[in-house]
C-alpha atoms as a PDB file:
ATOM      1  CA  UNK A   1     114.907  96.588 136.567  1.00  0.00           C
ATOM      2  CA  UNK A   2     112.058  96.118 139.030  1.00  0.00           C
ATOM      3  CA  UNK A   3     108.545  97.242 138.225  1.00  0.00           C
ATOM      4  CA  UNK A   4     107.164 100.486 139.711  1.00  0.00           C
ATOM      5  CA  UNK A   5     103.495 101.500 139.924  1.00  0.00           C
ATOM      6  CA  UNK A   6     101.445 104.647 140.489  1.00  0.00           C
ATOM      7  CA  UNK A   7      97.701 105.080 140.904  1.00  0.00           C
ATOM      8  CA  UNK A   8      95.867 108.222 139.765  1.00  0.00           C
ATOM      9  CA  UNK A   9      92.281 109.346 139.334  1.00  0.00           C
ATOM     10  CA  UNK A  10      91.480 108.747 135.630  1.00  0.00           C
ATOM     11  CA  UNK A  11      89.436 111.922 135.039  1.00  0.00           C
ATOM     12  CA  UNK A  12      92.194 114.136 136.436  1.00  0.00           C
ATOM     13  CA  UNK A  13      94.802 112.287 134.372  1.00  0.00           C
ATOM     14  CA  UNK A  14      92.733 112.539 131.172  1.00  0.00           C
ATOM     15  CA  UNK A  15      92.039 116.254 131.726  1.00  0.00           C
ATOM     16  CA  UNK A  16      95.742 117.025 132.293  1.00  0.00           C
ATOM     17  CA  UNK A  17      96.826 114.974 129.297  1.00  0.00           C
ATOM     18  CA  UNK A  18      94.240 116.562 126.975  1.00  0.00           C
ATOM     19  CA  UNK A  19      95.361 120.019 128.101  1.00  0.00           C
ATOM     20  CA  UNK A  20      98.994 119.179 127.351  1.00  0.00           C
ATOM     21  CA  UNK A  21      98.184 117.603 123.982  1.00  0.00           C
ATOM     22  CA  UNK A  22      96.161 120.660 122.961  1.00  0.00           C
ATOM     23  CA  UNK A  23      98.534 123.295 124.343  1.00  0.00           C
ATOM     24  CA  UNK A  24     101.789 121.675 123.165  1.00  0.00           C
ATOM     25  CA  UNK A  25     100.672 120.329 119.795  1.00  0.00           C
ATOM     26  CA  UNK A  26     104.165 120.520 118.237  1.00  0.00           C
ATOM     27  CA  UNK A  27     106.344 119.188 121.053  1.00  0.00           C
ATOM     28  CA  UNK A  28     108.155 116.001 120.015  1.00  0.00           C
ATOM     29  CA  UNK A  29     109.057 114.644 123.448  1.00  0.00           C
ATOM     30  CA  UNK A  30     107.275 114.218 126.758  1.00  0.00           C
ATOM     31  CA  UNK A  31     108.301 113.088 130.204  1.00  0.00           C
ATOM     32  CA  UNK A  32     106.658 111.857 133.353  1.00  0.00           C
ATOM     33  CA  UNK A  33     107.899 111.863 136.957  1.00  0.00           C
ATOM     34  CA  UNK A  34     106.648 111.553 140.551  1.00  0.00           C
ATOM     35  CA  UNK A  35     107.687 113.677 143.555  1.00  0.00           C
ATOM     36  CA  UNK A  36     106.143 111.425 146.200  1.00  0.00           C
ATOM     37  CA  UNK A  37     102.737 113.130 146.107  1.00  0.00           C
ATOM     38  CA  UNK A  38     102.127 114.408 142.579  1.00  0.00           C
ATOM     39  CA  UNK A  39     102.508 112.905 139.145  1.00  0.00           C
ATOM     40  CA  UNK A  40     104.237 115.437 136.871  1.00  0.00           C
ATOM     41  CA  UNK A  41     103.602 115.244 133.118  1.00  0.00           C
ATOM     42  CA  UNK A  42     105.465 117.540 130.727  1.00  0.00           C
ATOM     43  CA  UNK A  43     105.172 118.169 126.996  1.00  0.00           C
ATOM     44  CA  UNK A  44     107.518 120.807 125.649  1.00  0.00           C
ATOM     45  CA  UNK A  45     107.571 123.678 128.140  1.00  0.00           C
ATOM     46  CA  UNK A  46     104.185 122.900 129.714  1.00  0.00           C
ATOM     47  CA  UNK A  47     103.706 120.809 132.851  1.00  0.00           C
ATOM     48  CA  UNK A  48     100.638 119.426 134.603  1.00  0.00           C
ATOM     49  CA  UNK A  49     100.583 117.921 138.119  1.00  0.00           C
ATOM     50  CA  UNK A  50      97.949 115.636 139.617  1.00  0.00           C
ATOM     51  CA  UNK A  51      97.760 113.684 142.904  1.00  0.00           C
ATOM     52  CA  UNK A  52      99.180 110.161 142.740  1.00  0.00           C
ATOM     53  CA  UNK A  53     100.184 107.335 145.084  1.00  0.00           C
ATOM     54  CA  UNK A  54     102.757 104.587 144.726  1.00  0.00           C
ATOM     55  CA  UNK A  55     106.408 104.259 143.774  1.00  0.00           C
ATOM     56  CA  UNK A  56     108.201 105.512 140.667  1.00  0.00           C
ATOM     57  CA  UNK A  57     111.738 104.958 139.373  1.00  0.00           C
ATOM     58  CA  UNK A  58     112.381 108.584 138.343  1.00  0.00           C
ATOM     59  CA  UNK A  59     111.765 110.653 135.233  1.00  0.00           C
ATOM     60  CA  UNK A  60     110.883 108.723 132.075  1.00  0.00           C
ATOM     61  CA  UNK A  61     111.030 110.238 128.571  1.00  0.00           C
ATOM     62  CA  UNK A  62     108.911 109.190 125.600  1.00  0.00           C
ATOM     63  CA  UNK A  63     107.674 110.474 122.259  1.00  0.00           C
ATOM     64  CA  UNK A  64     104.795 112.911 122.653  1.00  0.00           C
ATOM     65  CA  UNK A  65     102.750 111.081 120.000  1.00  0.00           C
ATOM     66  CA  UNK A  66     102.088 108.416 122.642  1.00  0.00           C
ATOM     67  CA  UNK A  67     100.734 111.073 125.022  1.00  0.00           C
ATOM     68  CA  UNK A  68      98.478 112.399 122.240  1.00  0.00           C
ATOM     69  CA  UNK A  69      97.260 108.901 121.382  1.00  0.00           C
ATOM     70  CA  UNK A  70      96.579 108.245 125.067  1.00  0.00           C
ATOM     71  CA  UNK A  71      94.672 111.545 125.382  1.00  0.00           C
ATOM     72  CA  UNK A  72      92.242 110.282 122.721  1.00  0.00           C
ATOM     73  CA  UNK A  73      91.585 106.943 124.465  1.00  0.00           C
ATOM     74  CA  UNK A  74      88.885 106.327 127.070  1.00  0.00           C
ATOM     75  CA  UNK A  75      90.446 105.668 130.488  1.00  0.00           C
ATOM     76  CA  UNK A  76      88.025 103.321 132.214  1.00  0.00           C
ATOM     77  CA  UNK A  77      89.977 101.907 135.167  1.00  0.00           C
ATOM     78  CA  UNK A  78      89.503 103.707 138.497  1.00  0.00           C
ATOM     79  CA  UNK A  79      92.065 104.124 139.902  1.00  0.00           C
ATOM     80  CA  UNK A  80      94.169 104.289 136.739  1.00  0.00           C
ATOM     81  CA  UNK A  81      97.462 102.436 137.079  1.00  0.00           C
ATOM     82  CA  UNK A  82     100.753 103.607 135.556  1.00  0.00           C
ATOM     83  CA  UNK A  83     103.733 101.275 135.618  1.00  0.00           C
ATOM     84  CA  UNK A  84     107.279 101.115 134.319  1.00  0.00           C
ATOM     85  CA  UNK A  85     109.061  97.870 133.607  1.00  0.00           C
ATOM     86  CA  UNK A  86     112.330  97.730 131.694  1.00  0.00           C
ATOM     87  CA  UNK A  87     111.919 100.297 128.911  1.00  0.00           C
ATOM     88  CA  UNK A  88     108.097 100.274 128.722  1.00  0.00           C
ATOM     89  CA  UNK A  89     105.609 102.662 130.250  1.00  0.00           C
ATOM     90  CA  UNK A  90     102.095 101.266 130.699  1.00  0.00           C
ATOM     91  CA  UNK A  91      99.047 103.426 131.394  1.00  0.00           C
ATOM     92  CA  UNK A  92      95.966 101.275 131.942  1.00  0.00           C
ATOM     93  CA  UNK A  93      96.118  98.873 128.993  1.00  0.00           C
ATOM     94  CA  UNK A  94      98.204 101.160 126.743  1.00  0.00           C
ATOM     95  CA  UNK A  95     101.949 100.423 126.654  1.00  0.00           C
ATOM     96  CA  UNK A  96     104.762 102.211 124.811  1.00  0.00           C
ATOM     97  CA  UNK A  97     108.556 102.611 124.886  1.00  0.00           C
ATOM     98  CA  UNK A  98     110.223 105.031 127.287  1.00  0.00           C
ATOM     99  CA  UNK A  99     113.785 105.852 128.323  1.00  0.00           C
ATOM    100  CA  UNK A 100     115.631 107.009 131.405  1.00  0.00           C
ATOM    101  CA  UNK A 101     117.548 109.660 129.427  1.00  0.00           C
ATOM    102  CA  UNK A 102     116.098 112.170 126.960  1.00  0.00           C
ATOM    103  CA  UNK A 103     116.482 110.857 123.418  1.00  0.00           C
ATOM    104  CA  UNK A 104     117.622 113.609 121.091  1.00  0.00           C
ATOM    105  CA  UNK A 105     118.665 112.820 117.546  1.00  0.00           C
ATOM    106  CA  UNK A 106     120.789 115.308 115.611  1.00  0.00           C
ATOM    107  CA  UNK A 107     118.516 117.128 113.211  1.00  0.00           C
ATOM    108  CA  UNK A 108     115.445 115.629 114.880  1.00  0.00           C
ATOM    109  CA  UNK A 109     112.357 117.367 113.557  1.00  0.00           C
ATOM    110  CA  UNK A 110     108.659 116.676 113.535  1.00  0.00           C
ATOM    111  CA  UNK A 111     108.193 116.118 109.777  1.00  0.00           C
ATOM    112  CA  UNK A 112     104.612 117.298 110.273  1.00  0.00           C
ATOM    113  CA  UNK A 113     104.229 118.416 106.649  1.00  0.00           C
ATOM    114  CA  UNK A 114     105.330 115.066 105.222  1.00  0.00           C
ATOM    115  CA  UNK A 115     103.210 113.133 107.745  1.00  0.00           C
ATOM    116  CA  UNK A 116     100.146 115.261 106.942  1.00  0.00           C
ATOM    117  CA  UNK A 117     100.659 114.864 103.187  1.00  0.00           C
ATOM    118  CA  UNK A 118     101.092 111.082 103.452  1.00  0.00           C
ATOM    119  CA  UNK A 119      98.019 110.896 105.720  1.00  0.00           C
ATOM    120  CA  UNK A 120      96.002 112.777 103.102  1.00  0.00           C
ATOM    121  CA  UNK A 121      97.157 110.382 100.359  1.00  0.00           C
ATOM    122  CA  UNK A 122      96.325 107.296 102.462  1.00  0.00           C
ATOM    123  CA  UNK A 123      93.117 108.609 104.077  1.00  0.00           C
ATOM    124  CA  UNK A 124      90.846 106.702 101.672  1.00  0.00           C
ATOM    125  CA  UNK A 125      92.645 103.507 102.687  1.00  0.00           C
ATOM    126  CA  UNK A 126      91.818 104.255 106.359  1.00  0.00           C
ATOM    127  CA  UNK A 127      95.461 104.707 107.406  1.00  0.00           C
ATOM    128  CA  UNK A 128      95.494 107.180 110.284  1.00  0.00           C
ATOM    129  CA  UNK A 129      97.850 110.095 110.785  1.00  0.00           C
ATOM    130  CA  UNK A 130      99.013 108.490 114.053  1.00  0.00           C
ATOM    131  CA  UNK A 131      99.923 105.299 112.187  1.00  0.00           C
ATOM    132  CA  UNK A 132     102.016 107.283 109.710  1.00  0.00           C
ATOM    133  CA  UNK A 133     103.637 109.228 112.557  1.00  0.00           C
ATOM    134  CA  UNK A 134     104.525 105.870 114.151  1.00  0.00           C
ATOM    135  CA  UNK A 135     106.090 104.697 110.860  1.00  0.00           C
ATOM    136  CA  UNK A 136     108.196 107.862 110.784  1.00  0.00           C
ATOM    137  CA  UNK A 137     109.155 107.546 114.450  1.00  0.00           C
ATOM    138  CA  UNK A 138     110.249 103.926 113.961  1.00  0.00           C
ATOM    139  CA  UNK A 139     111.970 104.468 110.599  1.00  0.00           C
ATOM    140  CA  UNK A 140     115.615 103.505 110.175  1.00  0.00           C
ATOM    141  CA  UNK A 141     117.557 106.790 109.770  1.00  0.00           C
ATOM    142  CA  UNK A 142     120.415 104.982 107.977  1.00  0.00           C
ATOM    143  CA  UNK A 143     117.993 103.606 105.381  1.00  0.00           C
ATOM    144  CA  UNK A 144     116.135 106.911 105.082  1.00  0.00           C
ATOM    145  CA  UNK A 145     119.358 108.777 104.237  1.00  0.00           C
ATOM    146  CA  UNK A 146     119.679 106.645 101.097  1.00  0.00           C
ATOM    147  CA  UNK A 147     116.520 108.320  99.764  1.00  0.00           C
ATOM    148  CA  UNK A 148     117.671 111.938  99.548  1.00  0.00           C
ATOM    149  CA  UNK A 149     115.885 114.551  97.415  1.00  0.00           C
ATOM    150  CA  UNK A 150     118.163 113.639  94.518  1.00  0.00           C
ATOM    151  CA  UNK A 151     116.391 110.268  94.255  1.00  0.00           C
ATOM    152  CA  UNK A 152     112.920 111.612  93.385  1.00  0.00           C
ATOM    153  CA  UNK A 153     113.138 110.254  89.821  1.00  0.00           C
ATOM    154  CA  UNK A 154     114.248 106.828  91.018  1.00  0.00           C
ATOM    155  CA  UNK A 155     111.498 106.734  93.659  1.00  0.00           C
ATOM    156  CA  UNK A 156     108.883 107.499  90.983  1.00  0.00           C
ATOM    157  CA  UNK A 157     110.220 104.698  88.758  1.00  0.00           C
ATOM    158  CA  UNK A 158     110.292 102.249  91.664  1.00  0.00           C
ATOM    159  CA  UNK A 159     106.708 103.211  92.610  1.00  0.00           C
ATOM    160  CA  UNK A 160     105.508 102.629  89.024  1.00  0.00           C
ATOM    161  CA  UNK A 161     107.300  99.283  88.796  1.00  0.00           C
ATOM    162  CA  UNK A 162     105.994  98.253  92.214  1.00  0.00           C
ATOM    163  CA  UNK A 163     102.397  98.980  91.150  1.00  0.00           C
ATOM    164  CA  UNK A 164     102.903  96.257  88.560  1.00  0.00           C
ATOM    165  CA  UNK A 165     105.069  93.876  90.596  1.00  0.00           C
ATOM    166  CA  UNK A 166     103.555  94.370  94.073  1.00  0.00           C
ATOM    167  CA  UNK A 167     100.610  92.033  93.418  1.00  0.00           C
ATOM    168  CA  UNK A 168     103.220  89.386  92.530  1.00  0.00           C
ATOM    169  CA  UNK A 169     104.785  89.735  95.986  1.00  0.00           C
ATOM    170  CA  UNK A 170     107.788  91.886  95.075  1.00  0.00           C
ATOM    171  CA  UNK A 171     109.085  94.193  97.832  1.00  0.00           C
ATOM    172  CA  UNK A 172     109.926  97.730  96.613  1.00  0.00           C
ATOM    173  CA  UNK A 173     113.309  97.473  98.364  1.00  0.00           C
ATOM    174  CA  UNK A 174     114.175  94.542  96.093  1.00  0.00           C
ATOM    175  CA  UNK A 175     113.405  96.690  93.050  1.00  0.00           C
ATOM    176  CA  UNK A 176     115.775  99.319  94.390  1.00  0.00           C
ATOM    177  CA  UNK A 177     118.477  96.690  95.013  1.00  0.00           C
ATOM    178  CA  UNK A 178     118.114  95.464  91.429  1.00  0.00           C
ATOM    179  CA  UNK A 179     118.542  99.030  90.151  1.00  0.00           C
ATOM    180  CA  UNK A 180     121.623  99.629  92.323  1.00  0.00           C
ATOM    181  CA  UNK A 181     123.216  96.351  91.210  1.00  0.00           C
ATOM    182  CA  UNK A 182     122.533  97.200  87.568  1.00  0.00           C
ATOM    183  CA  UNK A 183     124.033 100.692  87.948  1.00  0.00           C
ATOM    184  CA  UNK A 184     127.053  99.287  89.814  1.00  0.00           C
ATOM    185  CA  UNK A 185     127.595  96.666  87.083  1.00  0.00           C
ATOM    186  CA  UNK A 186     127.278  99.293  84.332  1.00  0.00           C
ATOM    187  CA  UNK A 187     129.777 101.548  86.143  1.00  0.00           C
ATOM    188  CA  UNK A 188     132.273  98.694  86.587  1.00  0.00           C
ATOM    189  CA  UNK A 189     131.921  97.669  82.923  1.00  0.00           C
ATOM    190  CA  UNK A 190     132.471 101.247  81.753  1.00  0.00           C
ATOM    191  CA  UNK A 191     135.493 101.639  84.021  1.00  0.00           C
ATOM    192  CA  UNK A 192     137.068  98.380  82.792  1.00  0.00           C
ATOM    193  CA  UNK A 193     136.574  99.402  79.140  1.00  0.00           C
ATOM    194  CA  UNK A 194     138.449 102.653  79.777  1.00  0.00           C
ATOM    195  CA  UNK A 195     141.383 100.676  81.217  1.00  0.00           C
END
């Protein structure tokens, strides 16, 4: 895909983005488009339009956390350049993934409570809420399903073991694999005894 570029006035862009981030604080997805004269930015049900010049390939969808992160950054370039190349949207020096089609996952939800709780736990280690939100956004749903609520006891045991073994370089996933192999072996042994 060829690269497309728009130029906007940075103060107008920042003002519109901050308004959207504040007004639509719970929206999960955002999109951006260009009608030939105005750049259109949408979070949830709220849209802002600002003058722009250039060419644009059509609507692009992205996670709203990138819009919120961008709203908190200083935008120093004047004019501010926005570009799309392949599946990346770049605003100034900030680049993030985007898609041509809206990305909707079944059961997609914000997980705000879990993100906030994890951020509180990790605050003293200087891990930001945005970093945790990025971990959640990039998590593997197939792997996450393996850790249902029924595994709370196992997760606690793995966490305790990892506190001891982590400094030795052991990955917590390897501890889980060892547990699963042990349980599988015990189940197979029990089944063969019954035969």
